[in-house]
């Protein structure tokens, strides 16, 4: 009987997975399902972020600004109020990063273009061999 080396029919079977790998795949799938459930509002928020975000604040009777999130109030206020006295609009610039991320996900990330470098040279092999020979020659 040979000593050492590989023994036949030992070790995990081909295609089997460790418990840690199975657990990681299950967690990844659970996260994927959770994200997919909320995908529509997340994509909508990302689109709004890429366009720029606006916030509307209205001044109440105590002269305090409060944020308006009801579309009916927004329409009424814009039709009747004067900016600076009754309401105030704050905006955030569009996010280029959010736009890029959306485009990469929707249309695939563009490939990085390979850089072409053309190097041409003329070398005489005899000269190279002579230089190497001279370098390695022992001084007399």
Protein backbone atom coordinates (compact mmCIF):
# COMPACT_ATOMS: atom_id res chain seq x y z
CA UNK A 1 0.00 0.00 0.00
CA UNK A 2 1.48 3.38 -0.98
CA UNK A 3 2.22 5.90 1.74
CA UNK A 4 1.12 9.52 1.59
CA UNK A 5 -0.26 11.34 -1.41
CA UNK A 6 -3.79 11.63 -2.57
CA UNK A 7 -6.28 9.01 -1.44
CA UNK A 8 -9.14 8.07 -3.73
CA UNK A 9 -12.77 8.80 -2.75
CA UNK A 10 -11.87 11.22 0.06
CA UNK A 11 -12.71 14.85 0.62
CA UNK A 12 -15.85 16.74 -0.35
CA UNK A 13 -17.68 15.54 -3.42
CA UNK A 14 -17.38 17.62 -6.56
CA UNK A 15 -19.89 20.46 -6.61
CA UNK A 16 -20.61 20.34 -2.86
CA UNK A 17 -20.61 23.57 -0.83
CA UNK A 18 -19.43 24.40 2.66
CA UNK A 19 -22.01 25.45 5.27
CA UNK A 20 -20.60 28.99 5.34
CA UNK A 21 -21.05 29.31 1.56
CA UNK A 22 -24.63 28.05 1.75
CA UNK A 23 -25.41 30.51 4.56
CA UNK A 24 -23.85 33.41 2.62
CA UNK A 25 -25.86 32.53 -0.50
CA UNK A 26 -29.08 32.35 1.54
CA UNK A 27 -28.38 35.75 3.12
CA UNK A 28 -27.57 37.24 -0.29
CA UNK A 29 -30.83 35.90 -1.74
CA UNK A 30 -32.86 37.23 1.23
CA UNK A 31 -31.28 40.67 0.76
CA UNK A 32 -31.93 40.53 -2.99
CA UNK A 33 -35.61 39.71 -2.41
CA UNK A 34 -35.95 42.53 0.14
CA UNK A 35 -34.36 45.04 -2.23
CA UNK A 36 -36.55 43.89 -5.12
CA UNK A 37 -39.68 44.46 -2.98
CA UNK A 38 -38.66 48.10 -2.53
CA UNK A 39 -37.07 48.63 -5.93
CA UNK A 40 -39.66 50.97 -7.46
CA UNK A 41 -39.54 53.66 -4.71
CA UNK A 42 -35.74 53.38 -4.47
CA UNK A 43 -35.32 53.87 -8.21
CA UNK A 44 -37.77 56.78 -8.12
CA UNK A 45 -35.79 58.38 -5.28
CA UNK A 46 -32.56 57.87 -7.25
CA UNK A 47 -34.15 59.51 -10.30
CA UNK A 48 -35.32 62.47 -8.22
CA UNK A 49 -31.83 62.76 -6.72
CA UNK A 50 -30.26 62.75 -10.18
CA UNK A 51 -32.62 65.55 -11.28
CA UNK A 52 -32.19 67.63 -8.13
CA UNK A 53 -34.26 67.78 -4.98
CA UNK A 54 -36.56 70.62 -3.96
CA UNK A 55 -37.93 71.25 -0.47
CA UNK A 56 -40.88 73.53 0.25
CA UNK A 57 -41.27 75.17 3.65
CA UNK A 58 -44.24 77.24 4.78
CA UNK A 59 -44.34 79.76 7.61
CA UNK A 60 -46.99 79.04 10.21
CA UNK A 61 -48.72 81.52 12.53
CA UNK A 62 -45.83 81.41 15.01
CA UNK A 63 -43.50 82.55 12.16
CA UNK A 64 -41.84 79.12 12.15
CA UNK A 65 -40.99 77.34 8.86
CA UNK A 66 -42.25 73.76 8.52
CA UNK A 67 -41.66 71.39 5.64
CA UNK A 68 -44.61 70.67 3.32
CA UNK A 69 -44.89 67.15 1.92
CA UNK A 70 -48.56 67.10 0.82
CA UNK A 71 -49.01 67.84 -2.90
CA UNK A 72 -52.40 69.53 -2.36
CA UNK A 73 -50.84 72.01 0.10
CA UNK A 74 -48.01 72.66 -2.36
CA UNK A 75 -50.44 73.44 -5.20
CA UNK A 76 -52.57 75.73 -2.97
CA UNK A 77 -49.55 77.57 -1.62
CA UNK A 78 -47.99 78.14 -5.02
CA UNK A 79 -51.28 79.47 -6.37
CA UNK A 80 -51.93 81.92 -3.51
CA UNK A 81 -48.73 82.75 -1.65
CA UNK A 82 -45.81 85.03 -2.36
CA UNK A 83 -42.33 83.56 -2.01
CA UNK A 84 -40.32 84.82 0.94
CA UNK A 85 -43.36 85.80 3.00
CA UNK A 86 -45.54 82.67 3.13
CA UNK A 87 -43.26 79.95 1.80
CA UNK A 88 -39.63 79.24 1.01
CA UNK A 89 -38.17 76.81 -1.51
CA UNK A 90 -34.78 75.20 -0.98
CA UNK A 91 -33.21 73.11 -3.70
CA UNK A 92 -30.34 70.69 -3.90
CA UNK A 93 -28.25 70.47 -7.06
CA UNK A 94 -28.67 67.43 -9.28
CA UNK A 95 -26.39 64.53 -8.37
CA UNK A 96 -24.09 63.51 -11.20
CA UNK A 97 -23.12 60.41 -9.23
CA UNK A 98 -26.78 59.33 -8.95
CA UNK A 99 -27.28 59.95 -12.67
CA UNK A 100 -24.16 57.95 -13.57
CA UNK A 101 -25.22 55.09 -11.32
CA UNK A 102 -28.69 54.98 -12.90
CA UNK A 103 -27.27 55.00 -16.41
CA UNK A 104 -24.73 52.27 -15.58
CA UNK A 105 -27.48 50.07 -14.18
CA UNK A 106 -29.95 50.75 -16.98
CA UNK A 107 -27.59 50.60 -19.95
CA UNK A 108 -24.61 48.65 -18.55
CA UNK A 109 -21.39 50.23 -17.51
CA UNK A 110 -19.33 51.39 -20.47
CA UNK A 111 -16.19 49.39 -21.15
CA UNK A 112 -12.91 51.07 -20.45
CA UNK A 113 -11.21 51.62 -23.73
CA UNK A 114 -7.81 49.95 -24.10
CA UNK A 115 -4.95 52.32 -24.58
CA UNK A 116 -2.87 51.72 -27.69
CA UNK A 117 0.86 52.14 -27.38
CA UNK A 118 2.88 51.57 -30.49
CA UNK A 119 6.57 51.35 -29.86
CA UNK A 120 8.84 50.69 -32.77
CA UNK A 121 12.59 50.32 -32.64
CA UNK A 122 15.33 48.90 -34.75
CA UNK A 123 17.94 46.92 -32.89
CA UNK A 124 20.75 44.91 -34.33
CA UNK A 125 21.06 41.62 -32.47
CA UNK A 126 24.81 41.51 -33.07
CA UNK A 127 25.25 44.85 -31.24
CA UNK A 128 23.16 43.66 -28.27
CA UNK A 129 25.13 40.41 -28.00
CA UNK A 130 28.45 42.27 -28.20
CA UNK A 131 27.36 44.68 -25.42
CA UNK A 132 26.35 41.77 -23.17
CA UNK A 133 29.59 39.96 -23.92
CA UNK A 134 31.61 43.06 -23.07
CA UNK A 135 29.70 43.59 -19.82
CA UNK A 136 30.26 40.06 -18.57
CA UNK A 137 33.86 39.81 -19.70
CA UNK A 138 36.33 39.61 -16.89
CA UNK A 139 38.86 42.40 -16.77
CA UNK A 140 42.40 41.16 -17.42
